[in-house]
N, C-alpha and C. Protein backbone atom coordinates (compact mmCIF):
# COMPACT_ATOMS: atom_id res chain seq x y z
N MET A 1 25.80 24.75 7.60
CA MET A 1 24.82 25.81 7.66
C MET A 1 23.54 25.36 6.95
N ASN A 2 22.39 25.66 7.51
CA ASN A 2 21.10 25.27 6.95
C ASN A 2 20.76 26.20 5.79
N SER A 3 20.49 25.63 4.59
CA SER A 3 20.19 26.45 3.42
C SER A 3 18.70 26.77 3.31
N MET A 4 17.88 26.17 4.16
CA MET A 4 16.45 26.44 4.12
C MET A 4 16.16 27.72 4.89
N PRO A 5 15.24 28.56 4.35
CA PRO A 5 14.93 29.81 5.05
C PRO A 5 14.23 29.54 6.38
N THR A 6 14.49 30.39 7.34
CA THR A 6 13.82 30.31 8.64
C THR A 6 13.15 31.65 8.91
N TYR A 7 12.10 31.62 9.70
CA TYR A 7 11.33 32.83 9.98
C TYR A 7 11.06 32.91 11.47
N ILE A 8 11.08 34.13 11.99
CA ILE A 8 10.73 34.38 13.39
C ILE A 8 9.52 35.30 13.40
N THR A 9 8.49 34.91 14.15
CA THR A 9 7.30 35.75 14.28
C THR A 9 6.99 35.93 15.76
N SER A 10 6.23 36.95 16.07
CA SER A 10 5.82 37.22 17.44
C SER A 10 4.54 36.46 17.76
N ILE A 11 4.33 36.18 19.03
CA ILE A 11 3.11 35.54 19.50
C ILE A 11 2.31 36.57 20.27
N THR A 12 1.04 36.71 19.93
CA THR A 12 0.18 37.70 20.59
C THR A 12 -0.24 37.20 21.97
N SER A 13 -0.91 38.06 22.72
CA SER A 13 -1.41 37.69 24.04
C SER A 13 -2.46 36.59 23.96
N LYS A 14 -3.08 36.41 22.78
CA LYS A 14 -4.06 35.35 22.57
C LYS A 14 -3.42 34.05 22.08
N GLY A 15 -2.09 34.03 21.97
CA GLY A 15 -1.38 32.83 21.52
C GLY A 15 -1.36 32.68 20.00
N GLN A 16 -1.63 33.77 19.30
CA GLN A 16 -1.64 33.72 17.84
C GLN A 16 -0.31 34.15 17.27
N ALA A 17 0.07 33.52 16.17
CA ALA A 17 1.30 33.90 15.46
C ALA A 17 0.98 33.99 13.98
N THR A 18 1.64 34.90 13.29
CA THR A 18 1.45 35.05 11.85
C THR A 18 2.33 34.04 11.13
N ILE A 19 1.72 33.30 10.21
CA ILE A 19 2.49 32.36 9.40
C ILE A 19 3.04 33.16 8.22
N PRO A 20 4.36 33.18 8.03
CA PRO A 20 4.95 33.97 6.96
C PRO A 20 4.39 33.60 5.58
N MET A 21 4.28 34.59 4.71
CA MET A 21 3.70 34.42 3.38
C MET A 21 4.31 33.27 2.58
N PRO A 22 5.64 33.11 2.54
CA PRO A 22 6.20 32.01 1.74
C PRO A 22 5.70 30.63 2.23
N ILE A 23 5.50 30.49 3.53
CA ILE A 23 5.00 29.23 4.08
C ILE A 23 3.52 29.06 3.73
N ARG A 24 2.75 30.14 3.84
CA ARG A 24 1.32 30.06 3.47
C ARG A 24 1.15 29.69 2.01
N LYS A 25 1.99 30.25 1.14
CA LYS A 25 1.92 29.91 -0.28
C LYS A 25 2.30 28.46 -0.52
N LEU A 26 3.35 28.01 0.13
CA LEU A 26 3.82 26.64 -0.03
C LEU A 26 2.74 25.64 0.38
N LEU A 27 2.06 25.92 1.49
CA LEU A 27 1.03 25.01 2.01
C LEU A 27 -0.36 25.31 1.45
N LYS A 28 -0.45 26.32 0.60
CA LYS A 28 -1.73 26.74 0.01
C LYS A 28 -2.76 27.05 1.09
N LEU A 29 -2.32 27.78 2.11
CA LEU A 29 -3.20 28.20 3.20
C LEU A 29 -3.88 29.51 2.81
N THR A 30 -5.15 29.64 3.14
CA THR A 30 -5.90 30.84 2.80
C THR A 30 -6.42 31.51 4.06
N THR A 31 -6.85 32.76 3.91
CA THR A 31 -7.43 33.49 5.03
C THR A 31 -8.62 32.71 5.58
N ASN A 32 -8.72 32.61 6.87
CA ASN A 32 -9.77 31.86 7.57
C ASN A 32 -9.71 30.36 7.30
N GLY A 33 -8.61 29.89 6.72
CA GLY A 33 -8.44 28.46 6.49
C GLY A 33 -7.95 27.77 7.76
N LYS A 34 -7.59 26.54 7.64
CA LYS A 34 -7.12 25.77 8.79
C LYS A 34 -5.70 25.30 8.53
N VAL A 35 -4.98 25.03 9.62
CA VAL A 35 -3.62 24.52 9.54
C VAL A 35 -3.50 23.38 10.54
N LEU A 36 -2.71 22.37 10.20
CA LEU A 36 -2.53 21.20 11.04
C LEU A 36 -1.17 21.26 11.71
N PHE A 37 -1.13 21.13 13.04
CA PHE A 37 0.11 21.08 13.80
C PHE A 37 0.30 19.66 14.30
N SER A 38 1.48 19.07 14.06
CA SER A 38 1.79 17.73 14.54
C SER A 38 3.07 17.81 15.37
N MET A 39 3.10 17.10 16.50
CA MET A 39 4.29 17.09 17.35
C MET A 39 4.89 15.69 17.37
N SER A 40 6.21 15.62 17.19
CA SER A 40 6.90 14.34 17.21
C SER A 40 8.36 14.56 17.55
N ASN A 41 8.85 13.82 18.52
CA ASN A 41 10.26 13.88 18.93
C ASN A 41 10.74 15.30 19.22
N GLY A 42 9.91 16.08 19.90
CA GLY A 42 10.29 17.43 20.29
C GLY A 42 10.24 18.45 19.16
N LYS A 43 9.70 18.08 18.01
CA LYS A 43 9.59 19.01 16.89
C LYS A 43 8.13 19.17 16.52
N VAL A 44 7.81 20.32 15.96
CA VAL A 44 6.44 20.61 15.52
C VAL A 44 6.45 20.73 14.01
N GLU A 45 5.50 20.06 13.38
CA GLU A 45 5.37 20.12 11.92
C GLU A 45 4.08 20.84 11.58
N LEU A 46 4.16 21.72 10.64
CA LEU A 46 3.03 22.52 10.18
C LEU A 46 2.67 22.04 8.78
N SER A 47 1.37 21.73 8.55
CA SER A 47 0.97 21.26 7.23
C SER A 47 -0.47 21.64 6.94
N SER A 48 -0.86 21.45 5.69
CA SER A 48 -2.26 21.66 5.30
C SER A 48 -3.05 20.46 5.79
N PRO A 49 -4.21 20.70 6.41
CA PRO A 49 -5.01 19.56 6.87
C PRO A 49 -5.65 18.85 5.69
N PRO A 50 -5.97 17.56 5.85
CA PRO A 50 -6.67 16.87 4.77
C PRO A 50 -8.05 17.49 4.56
N LYS A 51 -8.52 17.46 3.34
CA LYS A 51 -9.83 18.03 3.04
C LYS A 51 -10.93 17.14 3.61
N SER A 52 -11.99 17.78 4.09
CA SER A 52 -13.12 17.04 4.63
C SER A 52 -13.99 16.55 3.49
N LEU A 53 -14.87 15.61 3.79
CA LEU A 53 -15.79 15.09 2.80
C LEU A 53 -16.66 16.22 2.25
N GLN A 54 -17.07 17.12 3.13
CA GLN A 54 -17.92 18.24 2.70
C GLN A 54 -17.18 19.14 1.71
N GLU A 55 -15.87 19.36 1.93
CA GLU A 55 -15.09 20.21 1.04
C GLU A 55 -14.89 19.58 -0.34
N THR A 56 -14.83 18.25 -0.38
CA THR A 56 -14.58 17.57 -1.65
C THR A 56 -15.86 17.17 -2.36
N PHE A 57 -17.02 17.32 -1.71
CA PHE A 57 -18.28 16.94 -2.33
C PHE A 57 -18.48 17.70 -3.63
N GLY A 58 -18.82 16.97 -4.67
CA GLY A 58 -19.06 17.59 -5.97
C GLY A 58 -17.82 17.73 -6.82
N SER A 59 -16.65 17.33 -6.33
CA SER A 59 -15.43 17.49 -7.11
C SER A 59 -15.31 16.42 -8.19
N ILE A 60 -16.07 15.33 -8.07
CA ILE A 60 -16.08 14.29 -9.09
C ILE A 60 -17.45 14.31 -9.75
N LYS A 61 -17.44 14.40 -11.06
CA LYS A 61 -18.70 14.45 -11.80
C LYS A 61 -19.37 13.07 -11.76
N PRO A 62 -20.67 13.02 -11.53
CA PRO A 62 -21.37 11.74 -11.52
C PRO A 62 -21.41 11.13 -12.91
N LEU A 63 -21.55 9.82 -12.95
CA LEU A 63 -21.68 9.13 -14.23
C LEU A 63 -22.96 9.57 -14.91
N THR A 64 -22.88 9.84 -16.19
CA THR A 64 -24.07 10.26 -16.91
C THR A 64 -24.74 9.08 -17.61
N SER A 65 -24.05 7.95 -17.61
CA SER A 65 -24.59 6.76 -18.27
C SER A 65 -25.70 6.15 -17.43
N LYS A 66 -26.74 5.68 -18.12
CA LYS A 66 -27.84 5.01 -17.43
C LYS A 66 -27.65 3.49 -17.50
N MET A 67 -26.39 3.07 -17.54
CA MET A 67 -26.05 1.66 -17.66
C MET A 67 -26.41 0.92 -16.36
N SER A 68 -26.93 -0.27 -16.49
CA SER A 68 -27.29 -1.06 -15.32
C SER A 68 -26.05 -1.50 -14.56
N PHE A 69 -26.22 -1.82 -13.30
CA PHE A 69 -25.10 -2.29 -12.48
C PHE A 69 -24.51 -3.56 -13.09
N GLN A 70 -25.36 -4.48 -13.55
CA GLN A 70 -24.90 -5.74 -14.13
C GLN A 70 -24.00 -5.48 -15.34
N LYS A 71 -24.40 -4.54 -16.20
CA LYS A 71 -23.60 -4.20 -17.38
C LYS A 71 -22.26 -3.60 -16.96
N GLN A 72 -22.26 -2.71 -15.95
CA GLN A 72 -21.02 -2.12 -15.45
C GLN A 72 -20.11 -3.21 -14.89
N ARG A 73 -20.70 -4.18 -14.23
CA ARG A 73 -19.93 -5.29 -13.64
C ARG A 73 -19.28 -6.13 -14.73
N VAL A 74 -20.00 -6.41 -15.80
CA VAL A 74 -19.46 -7.18 -16.92
C VAL A 74 -18.29 -6.43 -17.56
N ILE A 75 -18.46 -5.13 -17.76
CA ILE A 75 -17.38 -4.32 -18.34
C ILE A 75 -16.15 -4.34 -17.44
N ALA A 76 -16.36 -4.19 -16.14
CA ALA A 76 -15.24 -4.20 -15.19
C ALA A 76 -14.54 -5.55 -15.22
N PHE A 77 -15.32 -6.64 -15.30
CA PHE A 77 -14.74 -7.98 -15.36
C PHE A 77 -13.92 -8.14 -16.63
N ASP A 78 -14.45 -7.67 -17.77
CA ASP A 78 -13.73 -7.75 -19.04
C ASP A 78 -12.42 -6.98 -18.97
N GLU A 79 -12.44 -5.79 -18.37
CA GLU A 79 -11.22 -4.99 -18.23
C GLU A 79 -10.19 -5.71 -17.35
N LYS A 80 -10.67 -6.30 -16.27
CA LYS A 80 -9.77 -7.03 -15.36
C LYS A 80 -9.18 -8.25 -16.07
N THR A 81 -10.00 -8.96 -16.84
CA THR A 81 -9.53 -10.14 -17.58
C THR A 81 -8.47 -9.74 -18.60
N LEU A 82 -8.73 -8.64 -19.33
CA LEU A 82 -7.76 -8.16 -20.32
C LEU A 82 -6.44 -7.80 -19.65
N LYS A 83 -6.53 -7.14 -18.50
CA LYS A 83 -5.31 -6.76 -17.77
C LYS A 83 -4.53 -8.00 -17.36
N LYS A 84 -5.23 -9.03 -16.88
CA LYS A 84 -4.56 -10.26 -16.47
C LYS A 84 -3.94 -10.98 -17.66
N LYS A 85 -4.63 -10.94 -18.84
CA LYS A 85 -4.06 -11.56 -20.04
C LYS A 85 -2.75 -10.88 -20.40
N ILE A 86 -2.75 -9.55 -20.30
CA ILE A 86 -1.55 -8.80 -20.62
C ILE A 86 -0.43 -9.14 -19.64
N GLU A 87 -0.77 -9.34 -18.38
CA GLU A 87 0.21 -9.67 -17.35
C GLU A 87 0.58 -11.16 -17.37
N GLY A 88 -0.19 -11.96 -18.11
CA GLY A 88 0.12 -13.39 -18.23
C GLY A 88 -0.57 -14.29 -17.23
N SER A 89 -1.52 -13.78 -16.49
CA SER A 89 -2.25 -14.58 -15.50
C SER A 89 -3.73 -14.38 -15.72
N VAL A 90 -4.41 -15.41 -16.24
CA VAL A 90 -5.83 -15.27 -16.54
C VAL A 90 -6.65 -16.18 -15.63
N ASN A 91 -7.70 -15.61 -15.04
CA ASN A 91 -8.62 -16.37 -14.20
C ASN A 91 -10.03 -16.02 -14.68
N TYR A 92 -10.76 -17.00 -15.21
CA TYR A 92 -12.07 -16.73 -15.82
C TYR A 92 -13.24 -16.94 -14.89
N VAL A 93 -13.03 -16.94 -13.60
CA VAL A 93 -14.13 -17.14 -12.65
C VAL A 93 -14.82 -15.82 -12.41
N LEU A 94 -16.13 -15.77 -12.64
CA LEU A 94 -16.90 -14.57 -12.40
C LEU A 94 -17.54 -14.68 -11.04
N CYS A 95 -17.17 -13.81 -10.15
CA CYS A 95 -17.69 -13.85 -8.77
C CYS A 95 -18.96 -13.04 -8.65
């Protein structure tokens, strides 16, 4: 016997069906949001669609440092070198 809950909903004349609340909560679906349907091997999978670039814009704070690109590159190289030293493989070539 399947221990996962199952739900039956009606389909309207426009082809619309209500997604049960527990599923909407699980997928974090909101009113007027979008849902992704995938078909494979005769089964349909319902999931949250990936966020668009526009939806994620501004989610990462810009760097406030006025550090030059060259300085950032040197710091990144030093961090990479330190990581390799810790791992036991050091390469001192700066590309």
